[in-house]
Amino acid sequence: MKIMETLKNHPRHFIIPFICLMITFYFTYHAIRGERGLFRLFEIQKEIAEAELLSQETTNLRTKMEKKVKALSPGNLDLDLLEESGRKALNVGDKNDYIIFD
């Protein structure tokens, strides 16, 4: 009861604490949900993990392609790989080959 009487008689005593409370809520909200808040930090960390995974997959694919190119180089020619690449590029098969469609 005394609080209500004090509030009616002296409202200015509650204005500054109320403003400070609202400012605190404002900054707390933006620290958590804002453009640079905690939730955005977790999203960015997830995006970084996905990008690192994609980078690793791309590196593995590049390594495989480099091995294939090295196997087809004139100094180190792999005849089986050359024949396989030729058949795939020309869409040709031997009469004794089995064709399995994916």
N, C-alpha and C. Protein backbone atom coordinates (compact mmCIF):
# COMPACT_ATOMS: atom_id res chain seq x y z
N MET A 1 0.80 -1.18 0.00
CA MET A 1 0.00 0.00 0.00
C MET A 1 0.85 1.25 0.00
N LYS A 2 1.97 1.20 0.74
CA LYS A 2 2.85 2.36 0.81
C LYS A 2 3.47 2.66 -0.56
N ILE A 3 3.72 1.62 -1.33
CA ILE A 3 4.33 1.80 -2.66
C ILE A 3 3.38 2.57 -3.56
N MET A 4 2.12 2.24 -3.52
CA MET A 4 1.14 2.93 -4.36
C MET A 4 1.01 4.39 -3.95
N GLU A 5 1.04 4.63 -2.66
CA GLU A 5 0.95 6.02 -2.20
C GLU A 5 2.19 6.80 -2.60
N THR A 6 3.35 6.17 -2.47
CA THR A 6 4.59 6.84 -2.87
C THR A 6 4.60 7.10 -4.36
N LEU A 7 4.12 6.15 -5.14
CA LEU A 7 4.07 6.31 -6.59
C LEU A 7 3.13 7.45 -6.98
N LYS A 8 2.01 7.56 -6.29
CA LYS A 8 1.07 8.65 -6.59
C LYS A 8 1.63 10.01 -6.18
N ASN A 9 2.35 10.03 -5.08
CA ASN A 9 2.87 11.29 -4.57
C ASN A 9 4.18 11.71 -5.23
N HIS A 10 5.04 10.73 -5.55
CA HIS A 10 6.36 11.06 -6.10
C HIS A 10 6.67 10.15 -7.30
N PRO A 11 6.05 10.35 -8.45
CA PRO A 11 6.31 9.47 -9.60
C PRO A 11 7.71 9.63 -10.18
N ARG A 12 8.35 10.74 -9.94
CA ARG A 12 9.68 10.94 -10.53
C ARG A 12 10.73 10.04 -9.90
N HIS A 13 10.45 9.49 -8.72
CA HIS A 13 11.40 8.57 -8.09
C HIS A 13 11.48 7.23 -8.83
N PHE A 14 10.48 6.95 -9.63
CA PHE A 14 10.45 5.68 -10.35
C PHE A 14 10.80 5.83 -11.83
N ILE A 15 10.92 7.02 -12.30
CA ILE A 15 11.20 7.24 -13.73
C ILE A 15 12.61 6.79 -14.09
N ILE A 16 13.60 7.20 -13.34
CA ILE A 16 15.00 6.83 -13.66
C ILE A 16 15.23 5.33 -13.54
N PRO A 17 14.78 4.65 -12.47
CA PRO A 17 14.95 3.19 -12.45
C PRO A 17 14.21 2.50 -13.59
N PHE A 18 13.01 3.00 -13.95
CA PHE A 18 12.26 2.41 -15.06
C PHE A 18 13.02 2.57 -16.38
N ILE A 19 13.58 3.75 -16.61
CA ILE A 19 14.36 3.98 -17.84
C ILE A 19 15.60 3.08 -17.85
N CYS A 20 16.27 2.97 -16.72
CA CYS A 20 17.45 2.08 -16.66
C CYS A 20 17.06 0.63 -16.91
N LEU A 21 15.93 0.22 -16.39
CA LEU A 21 15.45 -1.15 -16.62
C LEU A 21 15.15 -1.38 -18.10
N MET A 22 14.51 -0.43 -18.74
CA MET A 22 14.20 -0.56 -20.17
C MET A 22 15.47 -0.58 -21.02
N ILE A 23 16.45 0.23 -20.67
CA ILE A 23 17.72 0.23 -21.41
C ILE A 23 18.43 -1.12 -21.23
N THR A 24 18.38 -1.67 -20.02
CA THR A 24 18.98 -2.98 -19.76
C THR A 24 18.30 -4.06 -20.60
N PHE A 25 16.97 -4.05 -20.64
CA PHE A 25 16.26 -5.01 -21.47
C PHE A 25 16.61 -4.86 -22.94
N TYR A 26 16.73 -3.63 -23.39
CA TYR A 26 17.05 -3.36 -24.80
C TYR A 26 18.40 -3.98 -25.17
N PHE A 27 19.42 -3.68 -24.38
CA PHE A 27 20.76 -4.19 -24.69
C PHE A 27 20.85 -5.70 -24.52
N THR A 28 20.15 -6.24 -23.53
CA THR A 28 20.15 -7.68 -23.33
C THR A 28 19.51 -8.39 -24.52
N TYR A 29 18.40 -7.86 -24.98
CA TYR A 29 17.72 -8.46 -26.14
C TYR A 29 18.63 -8.47 -27.36
N HIS A 30 19.29 -7.34 -27.63
CA HIS A 30 20.14 -7.26 -28.82
C HIS A 30 21.44 -8.06 -28.66
N ALA A 31 21.87 -8.27 -27.43
CA ALA A 31 23.05 -9.11 -27.21
C ALA A 31 22.74 -10.57 -27.50
N ILE A 32 21.49 -10.95 -27.34
CA ILE A 32 21.11 -12.35 -27.58
C ILE A 32 20.56 -12.56 -28.97
N ARG A 33 19.59 -11.74 -29.39
CA ARG A 33 18.88 -11.95 -30.64
C ARG A 33 19.28 -10.98 -31.75
N GLY A 34 20.17 -10.07 -31.49
CA GLY A 34 20.49 -9.03 -32.46
C GLY A 34 21.31 -9.53 -33.63
N GLU A 35 21.68 -8.58 -34.48
CA GLU A 35 22.44 -8.89 -35.70
C GLU A 35 23.79 -9.52 -35.39
N ARG A 36 24.36 -9.13 -34.27
CA ARG A 36 25.66 -9.69 -33.85
C ARG A 36 25.55 -10.39 -32.49
N GLY A 37 24.38 -10.95 -32.22
CA GLY A 37 24.13 -11.59 -30.94
C GLY A 37 24.56 -13.04 -30.91
N LEU A 38 24.19 -13.70 -29.83
CA LEU A 38 24.59 -15.09 -29.63
C LEU A 38 23.99 -16.03 -30.66
N PHE A 39 22.71 -15.85 -31.00
CA PHE A 39 22.10 -16.74 -31.98
C PHE A 39 22.78 -16.61 -33.33
N ARG A 40 23.13 -15.41 -33.72
CA ARG A 40 23.84 -15.21 -35.00
C ARG A 40 25.22 -15.85 -34.94
N LEU A 41 25.86 -15.80 -33.78
CA LEU A 41 27.17 -16.44 -33.62
C LEU A 41 27.06 -17.94 -33.87
N PHE A 42 26.01 -18.57 -33.34
CA PHE A 42 25.83 -20.01 -33.56
C PHE A 42 25.55 -20.32 -35.02
N GLU A 43 24.78 -19.46 -35.69
CA GLU A 43 24.50 -19.65 -37.12
C GLU A 43 25.79 -19.55 -37.93
N ILE A 44 26.62 -18.58 -37.60
CA ILE A 44 27.88 -18.39 -38.34
C ILE A 44 28.80 -19.59 -38.11
N GLN A 45 28.85 -20.10 -36.89
CA GLN A 45 29.69 -21.27 -36.63
C GLN A 45 29.21 -22.48 -37.42
N LYS A 46 27.90 -22.62 -37.57
CA LYS A 46 27.35 -23.72 -38.36
C LYS A 46 27.71 -23.55 -39.84
N GLU A 47 27.61 -22.31 -40.34
CA GLU A 47 27.99 -22.04 -41.74
C GLU A 47 29.47 -22.32 -41.98
N ILE A 48 30.30 -21.98 -41.01
CA ILE A 48 31.75 -22.24 -41.14
C ILE A 48 32.01 -23.74 -41.20
N ALA A 49 31.33 -24.52 -40.36
CA ALA A 49 31.52 -25.97 -40.38
C ALA A 49 31.10 -26.56 -41.72
N GLU A 50 29.98 -26.07 -42.28
CA GLU A 50 29.53 -26.56 -43.58
C GLU A 50 30.51 -26.18 -44.68
N ALA A 51 31.05 -24.96 -44.62
CA ALA A 51 32.02 -24.52 -45.62
C ALA A 51 33.32 -25.32 -45.54
N GLU A 52 33.74 -25.66 -44.33
CA GLU A 52 34.95 -26.47 -44.18
C GLU A 52 34.74 -27.88 -44.74
N LEU A 53 33.55 -28.43 -44.53
CA LEU A 53 33.23 -29.74 -45.08
C LEU A 53 33.24 -29.70 -46.61
N LEU A 54 32.64 -28.67 -47.18
CA LEU A 54 32.64 -28.50 -48.63
C LEU A 54 34.06 -28.32 -49.16
N SER A 55 34.87 -27.58 -48.44
CA SER A 55 36.26 -27.38 -48.84
C SER A 55 37.03 -28.71 -48.84
N GLN A 56 36.79 -29.53 -47.83
CA GLN A 56 37.46 -30.83 -47.75
C GLN A 56 37.03 -31.73 -48.90
N GLU A 57 35.71 -31.74 -49.21
CA GLU A 57 35.23 -32.54 -50.33
C GLU A 57 35.83 -32.08 -51.65
N THR A 58 35.92 -30.78 -51.82
CA THR A 58 36.51 -30.23 -53.04
C THR A 58 37.99 -30.57 -53.15
N THR A 59 38.69 -30.53 -52.04
CA THR A 59 40.11 -30.90 -52.03
C THR A 59 40.29 -32.37 -52.40
N ASN A 60 39.43 -33.24 -51.87
CA ASN A 60 39.50 -34.67 -52.20
C ASN A 60 39.22 -34.90 -53.68
N LEU A 61 38.22 -34.22 -54.22
CA LEU A 61 37.90 -34.35 -55.64
C LEU A 61 39.06 -33.86 -56.50
N ARG A 62 39.66 -32.77 -56.10
CA ARG A 62 40.80 -32.24 -56.86
C ARG A 62 41.97 -33.22 -56.85
N THR A 63 42.22 -33.83 -55.69
CA THR A 63 43.31 -34.80 -55.58
C THR A 63 43.06 -35.99 -56.51
N LYS A 64 41.82 -36.47 -56.56
CA LYS A 64 41.49 -37.59 -57.46
C LYS A 64 41.69 -37.20 -58.92
N MET A 65 41.27 -35.99 -59.26
CA MET A 65 41.42 -35.54 -60.65
C MET A 65 42.89 -35.36 -61.01
N GLU A 66 43.69 -34.87 -60.08
CA GLU A 66 45.13 -34.72 -60.34
C GLU A 66 45.79 -36.08 -60.58
N LYS A 67 45.37 -37.09 -59.81
CA LYS A 67 45.92 -38.44 -60.01
C LYS A 67 45.54 -38.97 -61.39
N LYS A 68 44.29 -38.70 -61.81
CA LYS A 68 43.85 -39.14 -63.12
C LYS A 68 44.64 -38.45 -64.23
N VAL A 69 44.84 -37.17 -64.09
CA VAL A 69 45.60 -36.41 -65.10
C VAL A 69 47.04 -36.90 -65.15
N LYS A 70 47.60 -37.16 -63.97
CA LYS A 70 48.98 -37.65 -63.93
C LYS A 70 49.08 -39.03 -64.59
N ALA A 71 48.05 -39.87 -64.42
CA ALA A 71 48.06 -41.20 -65.03
C ALA A 71 47.92 -41.12 -66.55
N LEU A 72 47.33 -40.05 -67.06
CA LEU A 72 47.17 -39.89 -68.51
C LEU A 72 48.27 -39.05 -69.16
N SER A 73 49.24 -38.61 -68.37
CA SER A 73 50.33 -37.81 -68.94
C SER A 73 51.23 -38.69 -69.82
N PRO A 74 51.87 -38.10 -70.83
CA PRO A 74 52.67 -38.90 -71.78
C PRO A 74 53.80 -39.69 -71.13
N GLY A 75 54.40 -39.17 -70.09
CA GLY A 75 55.51 -39.86 -69.44
C GLY A 75 55.06 -41.04 -68.59
N ASN A 76 53.82 -41.04 -68.17
CA ASN A 76 53.33 -42.07 -67.25
C ASN A 76 51.93 -42.49 -67.71
N LEU A 77 51.83 -43.08 -68.88
CA LEU A 77 50.54 -43.38 -69.48
C LEU A 77 49.99 -44.70 -68.96
N ASP A 78 48.76 -44.66 -68.44
CA ASP A 78 48.05 -45.85 -67.99
C ASP A 78 47.07 -46.23 -69.09
N LEU A 79 47.35 -47.35 -69.78
CA LEU A 79 46.56 -47.74 -70.94
C LEU A 79 45.12 -48.10 -70.58
N ASP A 80 44.93 -48.73 -69.43
CA ASP A 80 43.56 -49.08 -69.01
C ASP A 80 42.72 -47.82 -68.78
N LEU A 81 43.30 -46.82 -68.12
CA LEU A 81 42.59 -45.58 -67.87
C LEU A 81 42.32 -44.84 -69.18
N LEU A 82 43.27 -44.90 -70.10
CA LEU A 82 43.10 -44.26 -71.40
C LEU A 82 41.95 -44.92 -72.17
N GLU A 83 41.91 -46.25 -72.15
CA GLU A 83 40.84 -46.97 -72.84
C GLU A 83 39.47 -46.67 -72.20
N GLU A 84 39.43 -46.64 -70.88
CA GLU A 84 38.18 -46.35 -70.18
C GLU A 84 37.70 -44.94 -70.49
N SER A 85 38.61 -43.99 -70.50
CA SER A 85 38.24 -42.60 -70.80
C SER A 85 37.76 -42.46 -72.24
N GLY A 86 38.42 -43.14 -73.14
CA GLY A 86 38.02 -43.09 -74.55
C GLY A 86 36.64 -43.69 -74.77
N ARG A 87 36.39 -44.83 -74.15
CA ARG A 87 35.07 -45.47 -74.30
C ARG A 87 33.96 -44.60 -73.70
N LYS A 88 34.26 -43.98 -72.55
CA LYS A 88 33.26 -43.13 -71.92
C LYS A 88 33.00 -41.89 -72.76
N ALA A 89 34.04 -41.29 -73.32
CA ALA A 89 33.88 -40.07 -74.11
C ALA A 89 33.18 -40.36 -75.44
N LEU A 90 33.51 -41.47 -76.06
CA LEU A 90 32.93 -41.79 -77.37
C LEU A 90 31.65 -42.62 -77.27
N ASN A 91 31.31 -43.06 -76.07
CA ASN A 91 30.11 -43.87 -75.84
C ASN A 91 30.16 -45.15 -76.69
N VAL A 92 31.30 -45.83 -76.60
CA VAL A 92 31.54 -47.04 -77.39
C VAL A 92 31.86 -48.18 -76.43
N GLY A 93 31.45 -49.38 -76.81
CA GLY A 93 31.76 -50.56 -76.02
C GLY A 93 32.16 -51.71 -76.92
N ASP A 94 32.78 -52.71 -76.35
CA ASP A 94 33.19 -53.90 -77.07
C ASP A 94 32.01 -54.87 -77.10
N LYS A 95 32.04 -55.83 -78.05
CA LYS A 95 30.92 -56.75 -78.13
C LYS A 95 30.85 -57.70 -76.94
N ASN A 96 31.98 -57.88 -76.22
CA ASN A 96 31.99 -58.77 -75.07
C ASN A 96 31.76 -57.99 -73.73
N ASP A 97 31.52 -56.73 -73.82
CA ASP A 97 31.31 -55.92 -72.61
C ASP A 97 29.87 -56.05 -72.12
N TYR A 98 29.75 -56.01 -70.81
CA TYR A 98 28.42 -55.96 -70.18
C TYR A 98 28.14 -54.51 -69.83
N ILE A 99 26.96 -54.04 -70.17
CA ILE A 99 26.60 -52.65 -69.88
C ILE A 99 25.57 -52.65 -68.76
N ILE A 100 25.89 -51.91 -67.72
CA ILE A 100 25.00 -51.79 -66.56
C ILE A 100 24.61 -50.32 -66.47
N PHE A 101 23.33 -50.04 -66.56
CA PHE A 101 22.82 -48.68 -66.49
C PHE A 101 22.54 -48.30 -65.03
N ASP A 102 22.93 -47.11 -64.68
CA ASP A 102 22.66 -46.60 -63.33
C ASP A 102 21.28 -46.00 -63.28
